[in-house]
All heavy atoms as atom14 arrays in JSON, in Angstrom:
{
  "sequence": "ADAVIRLIPGVLNDETSALEDSFQDNLLAPPV",
  "atom14_mask": [
    [1, 1, 1, 1, 1, 0, 0, 0, 0, 0, 0, 0, 0, 0],
    [1, 1, 1, 1, 1, 1, 1, 1, 0, 0, 0, 0, 0, 0],
    [1, 1, 1, 1, 1, 0, 0, 0, 0, 0, 0, 0, 0, 0],
    [1, 1, 1, 1, 1, 1, 1, 0, 0, 0, 0, 0, 0, 0],
    [1, 1, 1, 1, 1, 1, 1, 1, 0, 0, 0, 0, 0, 0],
    [1, 1, 1, 1, 1, 1, 1, 1, 1, 1, 1, 0, 0, 0],
    [1, 1, 1, 1, 1, 1, 1, 1, 0, 0, 0, 0, 0, 0],
    [1, 1, 1, 1, 1, 1, 1, 1, 0, 0, 0, 0, 0, 0],
    [1, 1, 1, 1, 1, 1, 1, 0, 0, 0, 0, 0, 0, 0],
    [1, 1, 1, 1, 0, 0, 0, 0, 0, 0, 0, 0, 0, 0],
    [1, 1, 1, 1, 1, 1, 1, 0, 0, 0, 0, 0, 0, 0],
    [1, 1, 1, 1, 1, 1, 1, 1, 0, 0, 0, 0, 0, 0],
    [1, 1, 1, 1, 1, 1, 1, 1, 0, 0, 0, 0, 0, 0],
    [1, 1, 1, 1, 1, 1, 1, 1, 0, 0, 0, 0, 0, 0],
    [1, 1, 1, 1, 1, 1, 1, 1, 1, 0, 0, 0, 0, 0],
    [1, 1, 1, 1, 1, 1, 1, 0, 0, 0, 0, 0, 0, 0],
    [1, 1, 1, 1, 1, 1, 0, 0, 0, 0, 0, 0, 0, 0],
    [1, 1, 1, 1, 1, 0, 0, 0, 0, 0, 0, 0, 0, 0],
    [1, 1, 1, 1, 1, 1, 1, 1, 0, 0, 0, 0, 0, 0],
    [1, 1, 1, 1, 1, 1, 1, 1, 1, 0, 0, 0, 0, 0],
    [1, 1, 1, 1, 1, 1, 1, 1, 0, 0, 0, 0, 0, 0],
    [1, 1, 1, 1, 1, 1, 0, 0, 0, 0, 0, 0, 0, 0],
    [1, 1, 1, 1, 1, 1, 1, 1, 1, 1, 1, 0, 0, 0],
    [1, 1, 1, 1, 1, 1, 1, 1, 1, 0, 0, 0, 0, 0],
    [1, 1, 1, 1, 1, 1, 1, 1, 0, 0, 0, 0, 0, 0],
    [1, 1, 1, 1, 1, 1, 1, 1, 0, 0, 0, 0, 0, 0],
    [1, 1, 1, 1, 1, 1, 1, 1, 0, 0, 0, 0, 0, 0],
    [1, 1, 1, 1, 1, 1, 1, 1, 0, 0, 0, 0, 0, 0],
    [1, 1, 1, 1, 1, 0, 0, 0, 0, 0, 0, 0, 0, 0],
    [1, 1, 1, 1, 1, 1, 1, 0, 0, 0, 0, 0, 0, 0],
    [1, 1, 1, 1, 1, 1, 1, 0, 0, 0, 0, 0, 0, 0],
    [1, 1, 1, 1, 1, 1, 1, 0, 0, 0, 0, 0, 0, 0]
  ],
  "atom14_positions": [
    [[-182.99, 39.66, 186.99], [-182.78, 38.77, 188.13], [-182.09, 39.49, 189.28], [-182.47, 39.34, 190.45], [-181.96, 37.55, 187.7], [0.0, 0.0, 0.0], [0.0, 0.0, 0.0], [0.0, 0.0, 0.0], [0.0, 0.0, 0.0], [0.0, 0.0, 0.0], [0.0, 0.0, 0.0], [0.0, 0.0, 0.0], [0.0, 0.0, 0.0], [0.0, 0.0, 0.0]],
    [[-181.09, 40.29, 188.97], [-180.37, 41.04, 189.99], [-181.31, 41.99, 190.73], [-181.35, 42.03, 191.97], [-179.22, 41.82, 189.36], [-178.34, 42.51, 190.37], [-178.85, 43.38, 191.12], [-177.14, 42.2, 190.45], [0.0, 0.0, 0.0], [0.0, 0.0, 0.0], [0.0, 0.0, 0.0], [0.0, 0.0, 0.0], [0.0, 0.0, 0.0], [0.0, 0.0, 0.0]],
    [[-182.1, 42.74, 189.98], [-183.01, 43.71, 190.59], [-184.06, 43.04, 191.46], [-184.46, 43.59, 192.5], [-183.69, 44.54, 189.49], [0.0, 0.0, 0.0], [0.0, 0.0, 0.0], [0.0, 0.0, 0.0], [0.0, 0.0, 0.0], [0.0, 0.0, 0.0], [0.0, 0.0, 0.0], [0.0, 0.0, 0.0], [0.0, 0.0, 0.0], [0.0, 0.0, 0.0]],
    [[-184.48, 41.85, 191.07], [-185.52, 41.13, 191.82], [-184.94, 40.44, 193.05], [-185.47, 40.54, 194.15], [-186.22, 40.11, 190.9], [-187.12, 39.19, 191.72], [-187.01, 40.82, 189.82], [0.0, 0.0, 0.0], [0.0, 0.0, 0.0], [0.0, 0.0, 0.0], [0.0, 0.0, 0.0], [0.0, 0.0, 0.0], [0.0, 0.0, 0.0], [0.0, 0.0, 0.0]],
    [[-183.83, 39.74, 192.87], [-183.26, 38.94, 193.96], [-182.86, 39.79, 195.15], [-183.06, 39.42, 196.3], [-182.07, 38.1, 193.45], [-182.56, 37.01, 192.5], [-181.28, 37.5, 194.6], [-181.46, 36.26, 191.77], [0.0, 0.0, 0.0], [0.0, 0.0, 0.0], [0.0, 0.0, 0.0], [0.0, 0.0, 0.0], [0.0, 0.0, 0.0], [0.0, 0.0, 0.0]],
    [[-182.3, 40.98, 194.9], [-181.85, 41.82, 196.02], [-183.01, 42.32, 196.87], [-182.8, 42.8, 197.98], [-181.04, 43.01, 195.49], [-181.83, 44.0, 194.68], [-180.91, 44.99, 193.96], [-179.94, 45.59, 194.86], [-180.18, 46.59, 195.69], [-181.41, 47.1, 195.74], [-179.25, 47.09, 196.46], [0.0, 0.0, 0.0], [0.0, 0.0, 0.0], [0.0, 0.0, 0.0]],
    [[-184.25, 42.18, 196.38], [-185.41, 42.61, 197.14], [-185.96, 41.5, 198.04], [-186.81, 41.76, 198.9], [-186.52, 43.06, 196.18], [-186.23, 44.33, 195.37], [-187.32, 44.54, 194.32], [-186.12, 45.55, 196.27], [0.0, 0.0, 0.0], [0.0, 0.0, 0.0], [0.0, 0.0, 0.0], [0.0, 0.0, 0.0], [0.0, 0.0, 0.0], [0.0, 0.0, 0.0]],
    [[-185.49, 40.28, 197.87], [-185.97, 39.16, 198.68], [-185.48, 39.35, 200.12], [-184.3, 39.59, 200.35], [-185.46, 37.82, 198.13], [-185.99, 37.61, 196.7], [-185.88, 36.66, 199.02], [-185.39, 36.4, 196.01], [0.0, 0.0, 0.0], [0.0, 0.0, 0.0], [0.0, 0.0, 0.0], [0.0, 0.0, 0.0], [0.0, 0.0, 0.0], [0.0, 0.0, 0.0]],
    [[-186.38, 39.28, 201.09], [-185.96, 39.44, 202.5], [-184.83, 38.5, 202.87], [-184.87, 37.31, 202.59], [-187.25, 39.1, 203.27], [-188.36, 39.44, 202.33], [-187.84, 39.07, 200.96], [0.0, 0.0, 0.0], [0.0, 0.0, 0.0], [0.0, 0.0, 0.0], [0.0, 0.0, 0.0], [0.0, 0.0, 0.0], [0.0, 0.0, 0.0], [0.0, 0.0, 0.0]],
    [[-183.8, 39.07, 203.49], [-182.65, 38.29, 203.91], [-181.48, 38.32, 202.96], [-180.37, 37.94, 203.32], [0.0, 0.0, 0.0], [0.0, 0.0, 0.0], [0.0, 0.0, 0.0], [0.0, 0.0, 0.0], [0.0, 0.0, 0.0], [0.0, 0.0, 0.0], [0.0, 0.0, 0.0], [0.0, 0.0, 0.0], [0.0, 0.0, 0.0], [0.0, 0.0, 0.0]],
    [[-181.7, 38.78, 201.73], [-180.6, 38.82, 200.75], [-179.59, 39.91, 201.11], [-178.39, 39.68, 201.14], [-181.14, 39.04, 199.31], [-179.99, 39.33, 198.35], [-181.91, 37.79, 198.86], [0.0, 0.0, 0.0], [0.0, 0.0, 0.0], [0.0, 0.0, 0.0], [0.0, 0.0, 0.0], [0.0, 0.0, 0.0], [0.0, 0.0, 0.0], [0.0, 0.0, 0.0]],
    [[-180.08, 41.11, 201.39], [-179.19, 42.2, 201.8], [-179.01, 42.15, 203.31], [-179.94, 41.84, 204.06], [-179.78, 43.54, 201.39], [-179.99, 43.77, 199.89], [-180.54, 45.17, 199.64], [-178.7, 43.57, 199.11], [0.0, 0.0, 0.0], [0.0, 0.0, 0.0], [0.0, 0.0, 0.0], [0.0, 0.0, 0.0], [0.0, 0.0, 0.0], [0.0, 0.0, 0.0]],
    [[-177.81, 42.48, 203.77], [-177.55, 42.47, 205.21], [-178.41, 43.49, 205.94], [-178.85, 43.27, 207.05], [-176.07, 42.75, 205.46], [-175.18, 41.6, 204.98], [-175.61, 40.46, 204.98], [-173.97, 41.92, 204.57], [0.0, 0.0, 0.0], [0.0, 0.0, 0.0], [0.0, 0.0, 0.0], [0.0, 0.0, 0.0], [0.0, 0.0, 0.0], [0.0, 0.0, 0.0]],
    [[-178.62, 44.64, 205.31], [-179.46, 45.69, 205.9], [-180.8, 45.68, 205.18], [-180.89, 46.03, 204.01], [-178.77, 47.06, 205.76], [-179.56, 48.18, 206.41], [-180.71, 47.94, 206.83], [-179.03, 49.3, 206.51], [0.0, 0.0, 0.0], [0.0, 0.0, 0.0], [0.0, 0.0, 0.0], [0.0, 0.0, 0.0], [0.0, 0.0, 0.0], [0.0, 0.0, 0.0]],
    [[-181.84, 45.25, 205.87], [-183.15, 45.1, 205.23], [-183.71, 46.4, 204.7], [-184.51, 46.42, 203.77], [-184.14, 44.48, 206.23], [-183.83, 43.04, 206.6], [-183.88, 42.1, 205.43], [-184.69, 42.32, 204.51], [-183.1, 41.15, 205.4], [0.0, 0.0, 0.0], [0.0, 0.0, 0.0], [0.0, 0.0, 0.0], [0.0, 0.0, 0.0], [0.0, 0.0, 0.0]],
    [[-183.28, 47.54, 205.29], [-183.83, 48.83, 204.85], [-183.11, 49.36, 203.63], [-183.59, 50.31, 203.01], [-183.73, 49.87, 205.99], [-182.34, 50.12, 206.29], [-184.45, 49.4, 207.23], [0.0, 0.0, 0.0], [0.0, 0.0, 0.0], [0.0, 0.0, 0.0], [0.0, 0.0, 0.0], [0.0, 0.0, 0.0], [0.0, 0.0, 0.0], [0.0, 0.0, 0.0]],
    [[-181.98, 48.77, 203.27], [-181.18, 49.31, 202.17], [-181.96, 49.37, 200.86], [-181.96, 50.38, 200.17], [-179.91, 48.47, 201.99], [-179.14, 48.97, 200.93], [0.0, 0.0, 0.0], [0.0, 0.0, 0.0], [0.0, 0.0, 0.0], [0.0, 0.0, 0.0], [0.0, 0.0, 0.0], [0.0, 0.0, 0.0], [0.0, 0.0, 0.0], [0.0, 0.0, 0.0]],
    [[-182.63, 48.27, 200.52], [-183.36, 48.22, 199.25], [-184.52, 49.22, 199.24], [-184.88, 49.76, 198.18], [-183.89, 46.81, 198.99], [0.0, 0.0, 0.0], [0.0, 0.0, 0.0], [0.0, 0.0, 0.0], [0.0, 0.0, 0.0], [0.0, 0.0, 0.0], [0.0, 0.0, 0.0], [0.0, 0.0, 0.0], [0.0, 0.0, 0.0], [0.0, 0.0, 0.0]],
    [[-185.09, 49.48, 200.41], [-186.23, 50.4, 200.48], [-185.81, 51.84, 200.24], [-186.64, 52.69, 199.94], [-186.91, 50.29, 201.85], [-187.5, 48.91, 202.19], [-188.08, 48.93, 203.6], [-188.56, 48.5, 201.18], [0.0, 0.0, 0.0], [0.0, 0.0, 0.0], [0.0, 0.0, 0.0], [0.0, 0.0, 0.0], [0.0, 0.0, 0.0], [0.0, 0.0, 0.0]],
    [[-184.51, 52.11, 200.36], [-184.01, 53.47, 200.17], [-183.34, 53.67, 198.82], [-182.76, 54.71, 198.56], [-183.02, 53.8, 201.3], [-183.68, 53.79, 202.69], [-182.66, 53.94, 203.81], [-181.44, 53.93, 203.5], [-183.07, 54.06, 204.97], [0.0, 0.0, 0.0], [0.0, 0.0, 0.0], [0.0, 0.0, 0.0], [0.0, 0.0, 0.0], [0.0, 0.0, 0.0]],
    [[-183.42, 52.66, 197.96], [-182.82, 52.76, 196.64], [-183.56, 53.76, 195.77], [-184.71, 54.11, 196.02], [-182.84, 51.4, 195.93], [-181.81, 50.44, 196.5], [-180.87, 50.92, 197.15], [-181.96, 49.22, 196.29], [0.0, 0.0, 0.0], [0.0, 0.0, 0.0], [0.0, 0.0, 0.0], [0.0, 0.0, 0.0], [0.0, 0.0, 0.0], [0.0, 0.0, 0.0]],
    [[-182.88, 54.2, 194.7], [-183.54, 55.02, 193.69], [-184.74, 54.27, 193.12], [-184.74, 53.04, 193.03], [-182.57, 55.36, 192.55], [-181.59, 56.27, 192.98], [0.0, 0.0, 0.0], [0.0, 0.0, 0.0], [0.0, 0.0, 0.0], [0.0, 0.0, 0.0], [0.0, 0.0, 0.0], [0.0, 0.0, 0.0], [0.0, 0.0, 0.0], [0.0, 0.0, 0.0]],
    [[-185.77, 55.04, 192.79], [-187.0, 54.58, 192.14], [-188.01, 53.96, 193.12], [-189.13, 53.71, 192.73], [-186.72, 53.6, 190.99], [-185.79, 54.18, 189.97], [-184.52, 53.66, 189.78], [-186.17, 55.27, 189.2], [-183.66, 54.2, 188.85], [-185.31, 55.82, 188.26], [-184.05, 55.28, 188.09], [0.0, 0.0, 0.0], [0.0, 0.0, 0.0], [0.0, 0.0, 0.0]],
    [[-187.6, 53.7, 194.35], [-188.61, 53.32, 195.33], [-189.4, 54.6, 195.64], [-188.82, 55.66, 195.84], [-187.97, 52.78, 196.62], [-187.22, 51.47, 196.43], [-188.16, 50.27, 196.24], [-189.38, 50.42, 196.12], [-187.59, 49.08, 196.21], [0.0, 0.0, 0.0], [0.0, 0.0, 0.0], [0.0, 0.0, 0.0], [0.0, 0.0, 0.0], [0.0, 0.0, 0.0]],
    [[-190.7, 54.52, 195.66], [-191.57, 55.7, 195.86], [-191.39, 56.73, 194.75], [-191.64, 57.93, 194.97], [-191.31, 56.36, 197.21], [-191.6, 55.42, 198.37], [-192.57, 54.63, 198.26], [-190.88, 55.45, 199.37], [0.0, 0.0, 0.0], [0.0, 0.0, 0.0], [0.0, 0.0, 0.0], [0.0, 0.0, 0.0], [0.0, 0.0, 0.0], [0.0, 0.0, 0.0]],
    [[-190.91, 56.29, 193.57], [-190.73, 57.17, 192.42], [-189.77, 58.33, 192.69], [-189.91, 59.42, 192.11], [-192.08, 57.73, 191.95], [-192.82, 56.72, 191.08], [-192.4, 55.58, 190.94], [-193.93, 57.14, 190.51], [0.0, 0.0, 0.0], [0.0, 0.0, 0.0], [0.0, 0.0, 0.0], [0.0, 0.0, 0.0], [0.0, 0.0, 0.0], [0.0, 0.0, 0.0]],
    [[-188.8, 58.11, 193.55], [-187.8, 59.14, 193.82], [-186.4, 58.58, 193.6], [-186.15, 57.39, 193.8], [-187.9, 59.61, 195.28], [-189.15, 60.38, 195.7], [-189.11, 60.67, 197.19], [-189.28, 61.68, 194.91], [0.0, 0.0, 0.0], [0.0, 0.0, 0.0], [0.0, 0.0, 0.0], [0.0, 0.0, 0.0], [0.0, 0.0, 0.0], [0.0, 0.0, 0.0]],
    [[-185.49, 59.45, 193.14], [-184.09, 59.07, 193.07], [-183.49, 59.13, 194.47], [-183.97, 59.88, 195.32], [-183.33, 60.01, 192.13], [-183.81, 60.05, 190.67], [-182.94, 61.01, 189.87], [-183.78, 58.66, 190.04], [0.0, 0.0, 0.0], [0.0, 0.0, 0.0], [0.0, 0.0, 0.0], [0.0, 0.0, 0.0], [0.0, 0.0, 0.0], [0.0, 0.0, 0.0]],
    [[-182.46, 58.37, 194.7], [-181.82, 58.36, 196.01], [-181.11, 59.69, 196.26], [-180.59, 60.33, 195.32], [-180.82, 57.22, 196.11], [0.0, 0.0, 0.0], [0.0, 0.0, 0.0], [0.0, 0.0, 0.0], [0.0, 0.0, 0.0], [0.0, 0.0, 0.0], [0.0, 0.0, 0.0], [0.0, 0.0, 0.0], [0.0, 0.0, 0.0], [0.0, 0.0, 0.0]],
    [[-181.05, 60.14, 197.52], [-180.34, 61.4, 197.83], [-178.84, 61.21, 197.77], [-178.35, 60.07, 197.71], [-180.82, 61.69, 199.26], [-181.09, 60.33, 199.84], [-181.65, 59.52, 198.71], [0.0, 0.0, 0.0], [0.0, 0.0, 0.0], [0.0, 0.0, 0.0], [0.0, 0.0, 0.0], [0.0, 0.0, 0.0], [0.0, 0.0, 0.0], [0.0, 0.0, 0.0]],
    [[-178.06, 62.29, 197.84], [-176.6, 62.17, 197.87], [-176.15, 61.41, 199.12], [-176.82, 61.46, 200.15], [-176.13, 63.63, 197.92], [-177.28, 64.44, 197.46], [-178.5, 63.69, 197.85], [0.0, 0.0, 0.0], [0.0, 0.0, 0.0], [0.0, 0.0, 0.0], [0.0, 0.0, 0.0], [0.0, 0.0, 0.0], [0.0, 0.0, 0.0], [0.0, 0.0, 0.0]],
    [[-175.04, 60.72, 199.01], [-174.49, 60.0, 200.16], [-173.03, 60.41, 200.36], [-172.33, 60.8, 199.42], [-174.58, 58.46, 199.97], [-176.03, 58.02, 200.0], [-173.91, 58.02, 198.67], [0.0, 0.0, 0.0], [0.0, 0.0, 0.0], [0.0, 0.0, 0.0], [0.0, 0.0, 0.0], [0.0, 0.0, 0.0], [0.0, 0.0, 0.0], [0.0, 0.0, 0.0]]
  ]
}
């Protein structure tokens, strides 16, 4: 549920945040 809900538009304040998470596009996230 957590993994799914955070992807719903409007849930995260920054809409691009979820698109940059690990495993999107089969890549791990870079260092921050």
